[in-house]
Amino acid sequence: MKISSVNQDTIDHQEFLPIHMKLRIQHRTTYRYAEKVVFGRHRLMLRPREGHDIQIEQSVLHVTPAHRIDWIRDVYGNSIAIVNFTERASELMIYSDLLLNHFEINPFDFYIEPEAVRYPFFYDHKTLLELSALTQQVYSSDAMRVREWLGQFWRSGQTTGTLSLLQQLNGHIHRTFRYQIRNEPGVQSPSTTLQNNSGSCRDFATLFIESCRCLGLGARFVSGYILSGGATGAGASTHAWAEVYLPGVGWKGFDPTLGLLTTSQHIPVAVSQHPENAMPISGSFTGRSSAFLNAEVTVRVSEIGVQQIPTFSTLQQTQFIDAQARKTMVLH
């Protein structure tokens, strides 16, 4: 069986033509110190995840001071550069320069298995075995608080559209929580985000993920880049969002910072069960704590060749979600 496609008229007559973007992503991070320090091992997660939608044409990684780099893939298939430094320095600079092809046809044309269209549903045994770690909460001590908060969206005994429920949760975080840039390392616990009613993109993604896990859904944290306002360079930044596993479509992205489903403007770099394991750069240094002066991060995305990138407003995505809820099950 197949879920019929959404009427394109509900997306303001948006025509979904194949999109091909050729992009150059330049990401520079510089740490400065008042004196020479010893750098511990660093993990760099800067290389986008390749697949049918993203192909890396060229990749350059430049790091100073002197070092050795070993490339590995972790259990999620993330490409990680392990950097071991061989000299002390008062400045650490990491520069990634990527040329990639990004393809997408229609971010809203996806199939959900009939048994998963309505919530609650249950994963089959084999799928659940694969997803077991991603259905377990990382912040288990916050589970009760998150469940209480979820009561406004779904209660035991109710039946609702799976996609509608997820987008309700996604949109609610966007509309009612205050976004703030946090320079502190790490991620807020869901309870802290709920208490403060504010957080960064990584905090919102974590709250969304832990909420999905309370519902028994497999969810994971995603870090990467977002092209806000198109691939203009000035509107590019590092970003974090969530993915939920839905039978049929597989991993589907939700961005609670924007309240939208992810589109071609989201470029994933790393995924993980725990949000702190998908940070772009992590490492340490040995020296006086007062030696650290500052850190500077710049991200630029340049168009090498791009078709027009369709943008989808909150209203357009809401219309799509509503249309999905009204879809009729028909024989394939």
C-alpha atoms as a PDB file:
ATOM      1  CA  MET A   1       0.000   0.000   0.000  1.00  0.00           C
ATOM      2  CA  LYS A   2       1.039   3.566  -0.618  1.00  0.00           C
ATOM      3  CA  ILE A   3       0.114   6.915   0.824  1.00  0.00           C
ATOM      4  CA  SER A   4      -1.053   9.172  -1.981  1.00  0.00           C
ATOM      5  CA  SER A   5       1.124  12.192  -2.718  1.00  0.00           C
ATOM      6  CA  VAL A   6       0.204  15.601  -1.358  1.00  0.00           C
ATOM      7  CA  ASN A   7      -1.531  17.948  -3.764  1.00  0.00           C
ATOM      8  CA  GLN A   8       1.112  20.447  -4.836  1.00  0.00           C
ATOM      9  CA  ASP A   9      -1.517  23.202  -4.759  1.00  0.00           C
ATOM     10  CA  THR A  10      -1.242  23.115  -0.965  1.00  0.00           C
ATOM     11  CA  ILE A  11       2.344  24.399  -1.263  1.00  0.00           C
ATOM     12  CA  ASP A  12       1.332  27.575  -3.113  1.00  0.00           C
ATOM     13  CA  HIS A  13       1.763  25.860  -6.471  1.00  0.00           C
ATOM     14  CA  GLN A  14       5.471  25.313  -5.657  1.00  0.00           C
ATOM     15  CA  GLU A  15       6.956  23.361  -8.535  1.00  0.00           C
ATOM     16  CA  PHE A  16       9.355  20.671  -7.372  1.00  0.00           C
ATOM     17  CA  LEU A  17      12.087  20.432  -9.967  1.00  0.00           C
ATOM     18  CA  PRO A  18      15.268  18.448  -9.304  1.00  0.00           C
ATOM     19  CA  ILE A  19      17.696  20.649  -7.379  1.00  0.00           C
ATOM     20  CA  HIS A  20      21.434  20.482  -7.929  1.00  0.00           C
ATOM     21  CA  MET A  21      23.644  22.742  -5.855  1.00  0.00           C
ATOM     22  CA  LYS A  22      27.418  22.842  -6.164  1.00  0.00           C
ATOM     23  CA  LEU A  23      28.678  24.465  -2.984  1.00  0.00           C
ATOM     24  CA  ARG A  24      31.979  25.432  -1.441  1.00  0.00           C
ATOM     25  CA  ILE A  25      31.916  25.344   2.378  1.00  0.00           C
ATOM     26  CA  GLN A  26      34.750  27.071   4.213  1.00  0.00           C
ATOM     27  CA  HIS A  27      34.834  26.611   7.984  1.00  0.00           C
ATOM     28  CA  ARG A  28      37.643  28.183  10.011  1.00  0.00           C
ATOM     29  CA  THR A  29      38.066  27.920  13.793  1.00  0.00           C
ATOM     30  CA  THR A  30      40.903  29.644  15.649  1.00  0.00           C
ATOM     31  CA  TYR A  31      41.759  29.306  19.351  1.00  0.00           C
ATOM     32  CA  ARG A  32      44.189  31.847  20.844  1.00  0.00           C
ATOM     33  CA  TYR A  33      46.207  31.600  24.055  1.00  0.00           C
ATOM     34  CA  ALA A  34      48.381  34.038  26.034  1.00  0.00           C
ATOM     35  CA  GLU A  35      51.253  31.547  26.000  1.00  0.00           C
ATOM     36  CA  LYS A  36      52.270  28.293  24.395  1.00  0.00           C
ATOM     37  CA  VAL A  37      50.200  25.338  25.615  1.00  0.00           C
ATOM     38  CA  VAL A  38      50.130  21.585  24.993  1.00  0.00           C
ATOM     39  CA  PHE A  39      47.176  20.407  22.921  1.00  0.00           C
ATOM     40  CA  GLY A  40      45.500  17.107  23.686  1.00  0.00           C
ATOM     41  CA  ARG A  41      43.890  14.878  21.087  1.00  0.00           C
ATOM     42  CA  HIS A  42      41.152  16.611  19.079  1.00  0.00           C
ATOM     43  CA  ARG A  43      38.159  15.082  17.252  1.00  0.00           C
ATOM     44  CA  LEU A  44      37.030  16.960  14.162  1.00  0.00           C
ATOM     45  CA  MET A  45      33.601  16.254  12.666  1.00  0.00           C
ATOM     46  CA  LEU A  46      33.551  18.624   9.712  1.00  0.00           C
ATOM     47  CA  ARG A  47      33.072  16.371   6.673  1.00  0.00           C
ATOM     48  CA  PRO A  48      29.409  16.119   5.499  1.00  0.00           C
ATOM     49  CA  ARG A  49      27.743  12.704   5.402  1.00  0.00           C
ATOM     50  CA  GLU A  50      27.813  11.439   1.819  1.00  0.00           C
ATOM     51  CA  GLY A  51      24.961   9.550   0.178  1.00  0.00           C
ATOM     52  CA  HIS A  52      22.466   9.766  -2.670  1.00  0.00           C
ATOM     53  CA  ASP A  53      21.882  13.446  -1.866  1.00  0.00           C
ATOM     54  CA  ILE A  54      25.398  14.681  -1.022  1.00  0.00           C
ATOM     55  CA  GLN A  55      28.612  13.918  -2.888  1.00  0.00           C
ATOM     56  CA  ILE A  56      31.937  15.450  -1.878  1.00  0.00           C
ATOM     57  CA  GLU A  57      33.997  16.476  -4.892  1.00  0.00           C
ATOM     58  CA  GLN A  58      37.009  17.899  -3.076  1.00  0.00           C
ATOM     59  CA  SER A  59      38.052  18.162   0.573  1.00  0.00           C
ATOM     60  CA  VAL A  60      40.938  20.014   2.218  1.00  0.00           C
ATOM     61  CA  LEU A  61      41.658  20.043   5.947  1.00  0.00           C
ATOM     62  CA  HIS A  62      44.437  22.329   7.185  1.00  0.00           C
ATOM     63  CA  VAL A  63      45.474  22.330  10.862  1.00  0.00           C
ATOM     64  CA  THR A  64      48.262  24.161  12.723  1.00  0.00           C
ATOM     65  CA  PRO A  65      50.479  23.639  14.749  1.00  0.00           C
ATOM     66  CA  ALA A  66      52.344  20.478  13.678  1.00  0.00           C
ATOM     67  CA  HIS A  67      50.253  17.342  14.040  1.00  0.00           C
ATOM     68  CA  ARG A  68      49.285  13.923  12.753  1.00  0.00           C
ATOM     69  CA  ILE A  69      45.775  13.140  11.442  1.00  0.00           C
ATOM     70  CA  ASP A  70      44.103   9.724  11.436  1.00  0.00           C
ATOM     71  CA  TRP A  71      40.714   9.337   9.742  1.00  0.00           C
ATOM     72  CA  ILE A  72      38.148   6.955  11.228  1.00  0.00           C
ATOM     73  CA  ARG A  73      34.448   6.106  10.880  1.00  0.00           C
ATOM     74  CA  ASP A  74      32.427   5.617  14.048  1.00  0.00           C
ATOM     75  CA  VAL A  75      29.444   3.306  14.627  1.00  0.00           C
ATOM     76  CA  TYR A  76      27.126   5.809  12.896  1.00  0.00           C
ATOM     77  CA  GLY A  77      29.319   6.111   9.810  1.00  0.00           C
ATOM     78  CA  ASN A  78      30.474   9.618  10.711  1.00  0.00           C
ATOM     79  CA  SER A  79      33.814  10.587   9.175  1.00  0.00           C
ATOM     80  CA  ILE A  80      36.082  11.794  12.001  1.00  0.00           C
ATOM     81  CA  ALA A  81      39.568  13.290  11.857  1.00  0.00           C
ATOM     82  CA  ILE A  82      41.606  12.404  14.968  1.00  0.00           C
ATOM     83  CA  VAL A  83      44.331  15.021  15.435  1.00  0.00           C
ATOM     84  CA  ASN A  84      47.397  14.390  17.625  1.00  0.00           C
ATOM     85  CA  PHE A  85      49.619  17.450  17.981  1.00  0.00           C
ATOM     86  CA  THR A  86      53.401  17.222  18.063  1.00  0.00           C
ATOM     87  CA  GLU A  87      54.325  20.708  19.225  1.00  0.00           C
ATOM     88  CA  ARG A  88      53.181  23.408  21.610  1.00  0.00           C
ATOM     89  CA  ALA A  89      51.738  26.689  20.332  1.00  0.00           C
ATOM     90  CA  SER A  90      49.851  29.803  21.356  1.00  0.00           C
ATOM     91  CA  GLU A  91      47.352  29.423  18.513  1.00  0.00           C
ATOM     92  CA  LEU A  92      45.369  26.471  17.161  1.00  0.00           C
ATOM     93  CA  MET A  93      43.793  26.901  13.736  1.00  0.00           C
ATOM     94  CA  ILE A  94      41.495  24.410  11.993  1.00  0.00           C
ATOM     95  CA  TYR A  95      40.370  25.136   8.437  1.00  0.00           C
ATOM     96  CA  SER A  96      38.055  22.929   6.377  1.00  0.00           C
ATOM     97  CA  ASP A  97      37.447  23.685   2.687  1.00  0.00           C
ATOM     98  CA  LEU A  98      34.880  21.479   0.949  1.00  0.00           C
ATOM     99  CA  LEU A  99      33.456  21.352  -2.553  1.00  0.00           C
ATOM    100  CA  LEU A 100      30.270  19.277  -2.732  1.00  0.00           C
ATOM    101  CA  ASN A 101      27.290  18.466  -4.915  1.00  0.00           C
ATOM    102  CA  HIS A 102      23.926  18.529  -3.165  1.00  0.00           C
ATOM    103  CA  PHE A 103      20.891  16.931  -4.845  1.00  0.00           C
ATOM    104  CA  GLU A 104      17.235  16.948  -3.860  1.00  0.00           C
ATOM    105  CA  ILE A 105      14.001  16.406  -5.758  1.00  0.00           C
ATOM    106  CA  ASN A 106      11.094  16.978  -3.377  1.00  0.00           C
ATOM    107  CA  PRO A 107      11.553  17.113   0.416  1.00  0.00           C
ATOM    108  CA  PHE A 108       7.824  16.490   0.933  1.00  0.00           C
ATOM    109  CA  ASP A 109       7.371  13.490  -1.349  1.00  0.00           C
ATOM    110  CA  PHE A 110       8.018  10.599   0.994  1.00  0.00           C
ATOM    111  CA  TYR A 111       6.378   7.332   1.911  1.00  0.00           C
ATOM    112  CA  ILE A 112       5.333   6.261   5.411  1.00  0.00           C
ATOM    113  CA  GLU A 113       4.339   2.644   5.984  1.00  0.00           C
ATOM    114  CA  PRO A 114       0.572   2.319   6.597  1.00  0.00           C
ATOM    115  CA  GLU A 115       1.056   0.942  10.120  1.00  0.00           C
ATOM    116  CA  ALA A 116       3.102   4.018  11.091  1.00  0.00           C
ATOM    117  CA  VAL A 117       0.799   6.708   9.675  1.00  0.00           C
ATOM    118  CA  ARG A 118      -1.118   6.875  12.963  1.00  0.00           C
ATOM    119  CA  TYR A 119       0.447   7.117  16.413  1.00  0.00           C
ATOM    120  CA  PRO A 120       0.895   5.084  18.551  1.00  0.00           C
ATOM    121  CA  PHE A 121       2.583   2.481  16.403  1.00  0.00           C
ATOM    122  CA  PHE A 122       5.317  -0.052  17.122  1.00  0.00           C
ATOM    123  CA  TYR A 123       8.481  -0.869  15.226  1.00  0.00           C
ATOM    124  CA  ASP A 124       8.840  -4.432  14.001  1.00  0.00           C
ATOM    125  CA  HIS A 125      11.233  -6.656  15.963  1.00  0.00           C
ATOM    126  CA  LYS A 126      14.219  -6.343  13.603  1.00  0.00           C
ATOM    127  CA  THR A 127      13.928  -2.571  13.337  1.00  0.00           C
ATOM    128  CA  LEU A 128      13.591  -2.210  17.091  1.00  0.00           C
ATOM    129  CA  LEU A 129      16.799  -4.207  17.610  1.00  0.00           C
ATOM    130  CA  GLU A 130      18.660  -1.802  15.341  1.00  0.00           C
ATOM    131  CA  LEU A 131      17.115   1.268  16.980  1.00  0.00           C
ATOM    132  CA  SER A 132      17.250   0.127  20.600  1.00  0.00           C
ATOM    133  CA  ALA A 133      19.945   2.591  21.723  1.00  0.00           C
ATOM    134  CA  LEU A 134      18.209   5.446  19.917  1.00  0.00           C
ATOM    135  CA  THR A 135      14.906   4.874  21.724  1.00  0.00           C
ATOM    136  CA  GLN A 136      16.602   5.096  25.140  1.00  0.00           C
ATOM    137  CA  GLN A 137      16.742   8.480  26.818  1.00  0.00           C
ATOM    138  CA  VAL A 138      20.143  10.021  27.451  1.00  0.00           C
ATOM    139  CA  TYR A 139      18.796  12.277  30.218  1.00  0.00           C
ATOM    140  CA  SER A 140      16.878   9.580  32.093  1.00  0.00           C
ATOM    141  CA  SER A 141      16.505  11.707  35.243  1.00  0.00           C
ATOM    142  CA  ASP A 142      14.504  14.208  33.142  1.00  0.00           C
ATOM    143  CA  ALA A 143      12.087  11.597  31.784  1.00  0.00           C
ATOM    144  CA  MET A 144       9.224  12.423  34.165  1.00  0.00           C
ATOM    145  CA  ARG A 145       9.486  16.155  33.489  1.00  0.00           C
ATOM    146  CA  VAL A 146       9.525  15.598  29.725  1.00  0.00           C
ATOM    147  CA  ARG A 147       6.521  13.237  29.892  1.00  0.00           C
ATOM    148  CA  GLU A 148       4.547  15.817  31.849  1.00  0.00           C
ATOM    149  CA  TRP A 149       5.334  18.433  29.230  1.00  0.00           C
ATOM    150  CA  LEU A 150       4.350  16.019  26.440  1.00  0.00           C
ATOM    151  CA  GLY A 151       0.885  15.662  27.965  1.00  0.00           C
ATOM    152  CA  GLN A 152      -0.283  18.743  26.069  1.00  0.00           C
ATOM    153  CA  PHE A 153       0.424  16.983  22.757  1.00  0.00           C
ATOM    154  CA  TRP A 154      -0.543  13.351  23.393  1.00  0.00           C
ATOM    155  CA  ARG A 155      -1.947  11.221  26.215  1.00  0.00           C
ATOM    156  CA  SER A 156      -2.172   7.460  26.586  1.00  0.00           C
ATOM    157  CA  GLY A 157      -5.236   6.086  24.825  1.00  0.00           C
ATOM    158  CA  GLN A 158      -5.301   8.781  22.149  1.00  0.00           C
ATOM    159  CA  THR A 159      -4.705   8.137  18.446  1.00  0.00           C
ATOM    160  CA  THR A 160      -3.375  10.821  16.150  1.00  0.00           C
ATOM    161  CA  GLY A 161      -1.407  11.315  12.945  1.00  0.00           C
ATOM    162  CA  THR A 162       2.274  10.497  13.492  1.00  0.00           C
ATOM    163  CA  LEU A 163       3.587  13.307  11.299  1.00  0.00           C
ATOM    164  CA  SER A 164       1.068  15.773  12.725  1.00  0.00           C
ATOM    165  CA  LEU A 165       2.152  14.933  16.267  1.00  0.00           C
ATOM    166  CA  LEU A 166       5.839  15.352  15.469  1.00  0.00           C
ATOM    167  CA  GLN A 167       5.292  18.636  13.673  1.00  0.00           C
ATOM    168  CA  GLN A 168       3.107  19.898  16.536  1.00  0.00           C
ATOM    169  CA  LEU A 169       5.995  19.274  18.892  1.00  0.00           C
ATOM    170  CA  ASN A 170       8.500  20.723  16.415  1.00  0.00           C
ATOM    171  CA  GLY A 171       6.484  23.896  15.841  1.00  0.00           C
ATOM    172  CA  HIS A 172       5.654  24.400  19.513  1.00  0.00           C
ATOM    173  CA  ILE A 173       9.333  24.541  20.490  1.00  0.00           C
ATOM    174  CA  HIS A 174       9.961  27.077  17.726  1.00  0.00           C
ATOM    175  CA  ARG A 175       7.005  29.291  18.664  1.00  0.00           C
ATOM    176  CA  THR A 176       7.126  29.262  22.457  1.00  0.00           C
ATOM    177  CA  PHE A 177      10.813  28.955  23.385  1.00  0.00           C
ATOM    178  CA  ARG A 178      13.273  31.840  23.181  1.00  0.00           C
ATOM    179  CA  TYR A 179      16.307  31.182  21.014  1.00  0.00           C
ATOM    180  CA  GLN A 180      19.651  32.293  22.385  1.00  0.00           C
ATOM    181  CA  ILE A 181      23.230  31.826  21.283  1.00  0.00           C
ATOM    182  CA  ARG A 182      25.102  29.958  23.993  1.00  0.00           C
ATOM    183  CA  ASN A 183      28.888  29.976  23.825  1.00  0.00           C
ATOM    184  CA  GLU A 184      29.208  27.599  26.758  1.00  0.00           C
ATOM    185  CA  PRO A 185      30.294  24.073  25.782  1.00  0.00           C
ATOM    186  CA  GLY A 186      27.889  21.169  26.049  1.00  0.00           C
ATOM    187  CA  VAL A 187      24.129  20.852  25.873  1.00  0.00           C
ATOM    188  CA  GLN A 188      21.424  21.868  28.327  1.00  0.00           C
ATOM    189  CA  SER A 189      19.386  19.081  29.858  1.00  0.00           C
ATOM    190  CA  PRO A 190      15.731  19.000  28.713  1.00  0.00           C
ATOM    191  CA  SER A 191      14.625  20.055  32.214  1.00  0.00           C
ATOM    192  CA  THR A 192      16.863  23.123  32.061  1.00  0.00           C
ATOM    193  CA  THR A 193      15.501  24.092  28.644  1.00  0.00           C
ATOM    194  CA  LEU A 194      11.932  23.678  29.918  1.00  0.00           C
ATOM    195  CA  GLN A 195      12.665  25.639  33.077  1.00  0.00           C
ATOM    196  CA  ASN A 196      14.418  28.498  31.255  1.00  0.00           C
ATOM    197  CA  ASN A 197      12.016  28.382  28.301  1.00  0.00           C
ATOM    198  CA  SER A 198      15.054  29.153  26.156  1.00  0.00           C
ATOM    199  CA  GLY A 199      18.091  27.556  24.585  1.00  0.00           C
ATOM    200  CA  SER A 200      20.297  27.189  21.540  1.00  0.00           C
ATOM    201  CA  CYS A 201      19.654  25.045  18.472  1.00  0.00           C
ATOM    202  CA  ARG A 202      21.430  22.087  20.085  1.00  0.00           C
ATOM    203  CA  ASP A 203      19.283  22.462  23.240  1.00  0.00           C
ATOM    204  CA  PHE A 204      16.050  22.546  21.238  1.00  0.00           C
ATOM    205  CA  ALA A 205      17.110  19.510  19.212  1.00  0.00           C
ATOM    206  CA  THR A 206      17.913  17.639  22.441  1.00  0.00           C
ATOM    207  CA  LEU A 207      14.509  18.424  23.959  1.00  0.00           C
ATOM    208  CA  PHE A 208      12.778  17.280  20.760  1.00  0.00           C
ATOM    209  CA  ILE A 209      14.814  14.061  20.625  1.00  0.00           C
ATOM    210  CA  GLU A 210      14.217  13.137  24.267  1.00  0.00           C
ATOM    211  CA  SER A 211      10.497  13.827  23.765  1.00  0.00           C
ATOM    212  CA  CYS A 212      10.419  11.462  20.783  1.00  0.00           C
ATOM    213  CA  ARG A 213      12.178   8.795  22.835  1.00  0.00           C
ATOM    214  CA  CYS A 214       9.548   9.198  25.564  1.00  0.00           C
ATOM    215  CA  LEU A 215       7.041   8.336  22.833  1.00  0.00           C
ATOM    216  CA  GLY A 216       9.004   5.176  21.977  1.00  0.00           C
ATOM    217  CA  LEU A 217      10.392   6.565  18.727  1.00  0.00           C
ATOM    218  CA  GLY A 218      13.971   6.209  17.517  1.00  0.00           C
ATOM    219  CA  ALA A 219      15.588   9.650  17.329  1.00  0.00           C
ATOM    220  CA  ARG A 220      19.116  10.972  16.918  1.00  0.00           C
ATOM    221  CA  PHE A 221      21.001  14.268  17.136  1.00  0.00           C
ATOM    222  CA  VAL A 222      22.368  15.868  13.966  1.00  0.00           C
ATOM    223  CA  SER A 223      25.021  18.568  13.622  1.00  0.00           C
ATOM    224  CA  GLY A 224      25.879  20.253  10.363  1.00  0.00           C
ATOM    225  CA  TYR A 225      25.428  23.425   8.340  1.00  0.00           C
ATOM    226  CA  ILE A 226      22.347  25.425   7.411  1.00  0.00           C
ATOM    227  CA  LEU A 227      22.006  27.864   4.532  1.00  0.00           C
ATOM    228  CA  SER A 228      19.649  30.473   5.957  1.00  0.00           C
ATOM    229  CA  GLY A 229      18.359  32.667   3.170  1.00  0.00           C
ATOM    230  CA  GLY A 230      19.940  30.493   0.484  1.00  0.00           C
ATOM    231  CA  ALA A 231      23.539  29.737  -0.382  1.00  0.00           C
ATOM    232  CA  THR A 232      24.732  33.331  -0.120  1.00  0.00           C
ATOM    233  CA  GLY A 233      27.622  32.893   2.255  1.00  0.00           C
ATOM    234  CA  ALA A 234      26.524  35.466   4.839  1.00  0.00           C
ATOM    235  CA  GLY A 235      23.545  33.360   5.900  1.00  0.00           C
ATOM    236  CA  ALA A 236      25.475  30.149   6.503  1.00  0.00           C
ATOM    237  CA  SER A 237      26.280  28.745   9.940  1.00  0.00           C
ATOM    238  CA  THR A 238      26.785  25.601  11.937  1.00  0.00           C
ATOM    239  CA  HIS A 239      23.487  24.199  13.185  1.00  0.00           C
ATOM    240  CA  ALA A 240      21.861  21.287  15.015  1.00  0.00           C
ATOM    241  CA  TRP A 241      18.569  19.482  14.487  1.00  0.00           C
ATOM    242  CA  ALA A 242      16.946  16.074  15.007  1.00  0.00           C
ATOM    243  CA  GLU A 243      16.081  13.014  12.943  1.00  0.00           C
ATOM    244  CA  VAL A 244      13.283  10.551  13.712  1.00  0.00           C
ATOM    245  CA  TYR A 245      13.056   7.063  12.228  1.00  0.00           C
ATOM    246  CA  LEU A 246       9.701   6.553  10.470  1.00  0.00           C
ATOM    247  CA  PRO A 247       9.064   3.201   8.739  1.00  0.00           C
ATOM    248  CA  GLY A 248       8.972   3.774   5.012  1.00  0.00           C
ATOM    249  CA  VAL A 249      10.822   7.074   4.716  1.00  0.00           C
ATOM    250  CA  GLY A 250      13.566   6.107   7.205  1.00  0.00           C
ATOM    251  CA  TRP A 251      15.371   8.980   8.939  1.00  0.00           C
ATOM    252  CA  LYS A 252      13.384  12.205   8.606  1.00  0.00           C
ATOM    253  CA  GLY A 253      14.762  15.534   9.803  1.00  0.00           C
ATOM    254  CA  PHE A 254      12.975  17.987  12.094  1.00  0.00           C
ATOM    255  CA  ASP A 255      14.381  21.407  12.977  1.00  0.00           C
ATOM    256  CA  PRO A 256      12.716  22.702  16.171  1.00  0.00           C
ATOM    257  CA  THR A 257      14.729  25.935  16.058  1.00  0.00           C
ATOM    258  CA  LEU A 258      12.878  26.863  12.860  1.00  0.00           C
ATOM    259  CA  GLY A 259       9.804  24.680  13.453  1.00  0.00           C
ATOM    260  CA  LEU A 260      10.224  23.062  10.036  1.00  0.00           C
ATOM    261  CA  LEU A 261      11.051  19.753   8.411  1.00  0.00           C
ATOM    262  CA  THR A 262      14.599  19.762   7.057  1.00  0.00           C
ATOM    263  CA  THR A 263      15.187  20.530   3.379  1.00  0.00           C
ATOM    264  CA  SER A 264      18.127  20.901   1.009  1.00  0.00           C
ATOM    265  CA  GLN A 265      19.266  23.897   3.077  1.00  0.00           C
ATOM    266  CA  HIS A 266      20.324  21.499   5.862  1.00  0.00           C
ATOM    267  CA  ILE A 267      23.676  19.778   5.290  1.00  0.00           C
ATOM    268  CA  PRO A 268      24.275  16.999   7.873  1.00  0.00           C
ATOM    269  CA  VAL A 269      27.806  16.329   9.080  1.00  0.00           C
ATOM    270  CA  ALA A 270      27.443  14.030  12.102  1.00  0.00           C
ATOM    271  CA  VAL A 271      24.736  12.028  13.871  1.00  0.00           C
ATOM    272  CA  SER A 272      24.767  10.501  17.338  1.00  0.00           C
ATOM    273  CA  GLN A 273      22.631   9.144  20.158  1.00  0.00           C
ATOM    274  CA  HIS A 274      24.150  11.670  22.567  1.00  0.00           C
ATOM    275  CA  PRO A 275      24.275  15.317  21.417  1.00  0.00           C
ATOM    276  CA  GLU A 276      27.702  15.911  22.939  1.00  0.00           C
ATOM    277  CA  ASN A 277      29.198  13.205  20.703  1.00  0.00           C
ATOM    278  CA  ALA A 278      28.403  15.117  17.509  1.00  0.00           C
ATOM    279  CA  MET A 279      30.166  18.401  18.185  1.00  0.00           C
ATOM    280  CA  PRO A 280      32.152  19.795  15.203  1.00  0.00           C
ATOM    281  CA  ILE A 281      35.352  20.184  17.244  1.00  0.00           C
ATOM    282  CA  SER A 282      36.216  18.692  20.623  1.00  0.00           C
ATOM    283  CA  GLY A 283      39.544  18.485  22.420  1.00  0.00           C
ATOM    284  CA  SER A 284      41.630  19.808  25.293  1.00  0.00           C
ATOM    285  CA  PHE A 285      44.799  21.681  26.183  1.00  0.00           C
ATOM    286  CA  THR A 286      47.237  21.543  29.095  1.00  0.00           C
ATOM    287  CA  GLY A 287      48.331  24.826  30.597  1.00  0.00           C
ATOM    288  CA  ARG A 288      47.160  27.586  32.904  1.00  0.00           C
ATOM    289  CA  SER A 289      43.383  28.025  32.697  1.00  0.00           C
ATOM    290  CA  SER A 290      43.936  31.765  32.327  1.00  0.00           C
ATOM    291  CA  ALA A 291      46.022  31.162  29.196  1.00  0.00           C
ATOM    292  CA  PHE A 292      42.946  30.830  26.982  1.00  0.00           C
ATOM    293  CA  LEU A 293      42.093  34.142  25.339  1.00  0.00           C
ATOM    294  CA  ASN A 294      39.347  33.593  22.788  1.00  0.00           C
ATOM    295  CA  ALA A 295      37.935  31.509  19.969  1.00  0.00           C
ATOM    296  CA  GLU A 296      36.828  32.719  16.560  1.00  0.00           C
ATOM    297  CA  VAL A 297      34.609  30.752  14.159  1.00  0.00           C
ATOM    298  CA  THR A 298      33.717  31.739  10.600  1.00  0.00           C
ATOM    299  CA  VAL A 299      31.601  29.751   8.149  1.00  0.00           C
ATOM    300  CA  ARG A 300      31.127  30.718   4.522  1.00  0.00           C
ATOM    301  CA  VAL A 301      29.202  28.947   1.777  1.00  0.00           C
ATOM    302  CA  SER A 302      29.772  30.025  -1.826  1.00  0.00           C
ATOM    303  CA  GLU A 303      27.687  29.135  -4.863  1.00  0.00           C
ATOM    304  CA  ILE A 304      29.763  27.385  -7.498  1.00  0.00           C
ATOM    305  CA  GLY A 305      26.672  26.549  -9.494  1.00  0.00           C
ATOM    306  CA  VAL A 306      23.131  26.361  -8.215  1.00  0.00           C
ATOM    307  CA  GLN A 307      19.600  26.027  -9.436  1.00  0.00           C
ATOM    308  CA  GLN A 308      16.994  28.070  -7.613  1.00  0.00           C
ATOM    309  CA  ILE A 309      16.578  26.751  -4.097  1.00  0.00           C
ATOM    310  CA  PRO A 310      12.895  26.559  -3.119  1.00  0.00           C
ATOM    311  CA  THR A 311      12.165  27.876   0.346  1.00  0.00           C
ATOM    312  CA  PHE A 312       9.182  26.721   2.350  1.00  0.00           C
ATOM    313  CA  SER A 313       7.494  28.936   4.902  1.00  0.00           C
ATOM    314  CA  THR A 314       6.040  27.690   8.162  1.00  0.00           C
ATOM    315  CA  LEU A 315       2.569  28.099   6.650  1.00  0.00           C
ATOM    316  CA  GLN A 316       3.495  26.039   3.601  1.00  0.00           C
ATOM    317  CA  GLN A 317       4.909  23.242   5.732  1.00  0.00           C
ATOM    318  CA  THR A 318       1.829  23.356   7.983  1.00  0.00           C
ATOM    319  CA  GLN A 319      -0.365  23.007   4.902  1.00  0.00           C
ATOM    320  CA  PHE A 320       1.700  19.993   3.895  1.00  0.00           C
ATOM    321  CA  ILE A 321       1.372  18.383   7.323  1.00  0.00           C
ATOM    322  CA  ASP A 322      -2.395  18.949   7.284  1.00  0.00           C
ATOM    323  CA  ALA A 323      -2.610  17.447   3.811  1.00  0.00           C
ATOM    324  CA  GLN A 324      -0.589  14.443   4.962  1.00  0.00           C
ATOM    325  CA  ALA A 325      -3.076  13.872   7.788  1.00  0.00           C
ATOM    326  CA  ARG A 326      -5.931  13.790   5.257  1.00  0.00           C
ATOM    327  CA  LYS A 327      -4.235  11.387   2.846  1.00  0.00           C
ATOM    328  CA  THR A 328      -6.226   8.440   1.646  1.00  0.00           C
ATOM    329  CA  MET A 329      -4.765   4.965   1.706  1.00  0.00           C
ATOM    330  CA  VAL A 330      -4.880   3.490  -1.792  1.00  0.00           C
ATOM    331  CA  LEU A 331      -3.553   0.298  -3.304  1.00  0.00           C
ATOM    332  CA  HIS A 332      -0.163   0.738  -4.954  1.00  0.00           C
END
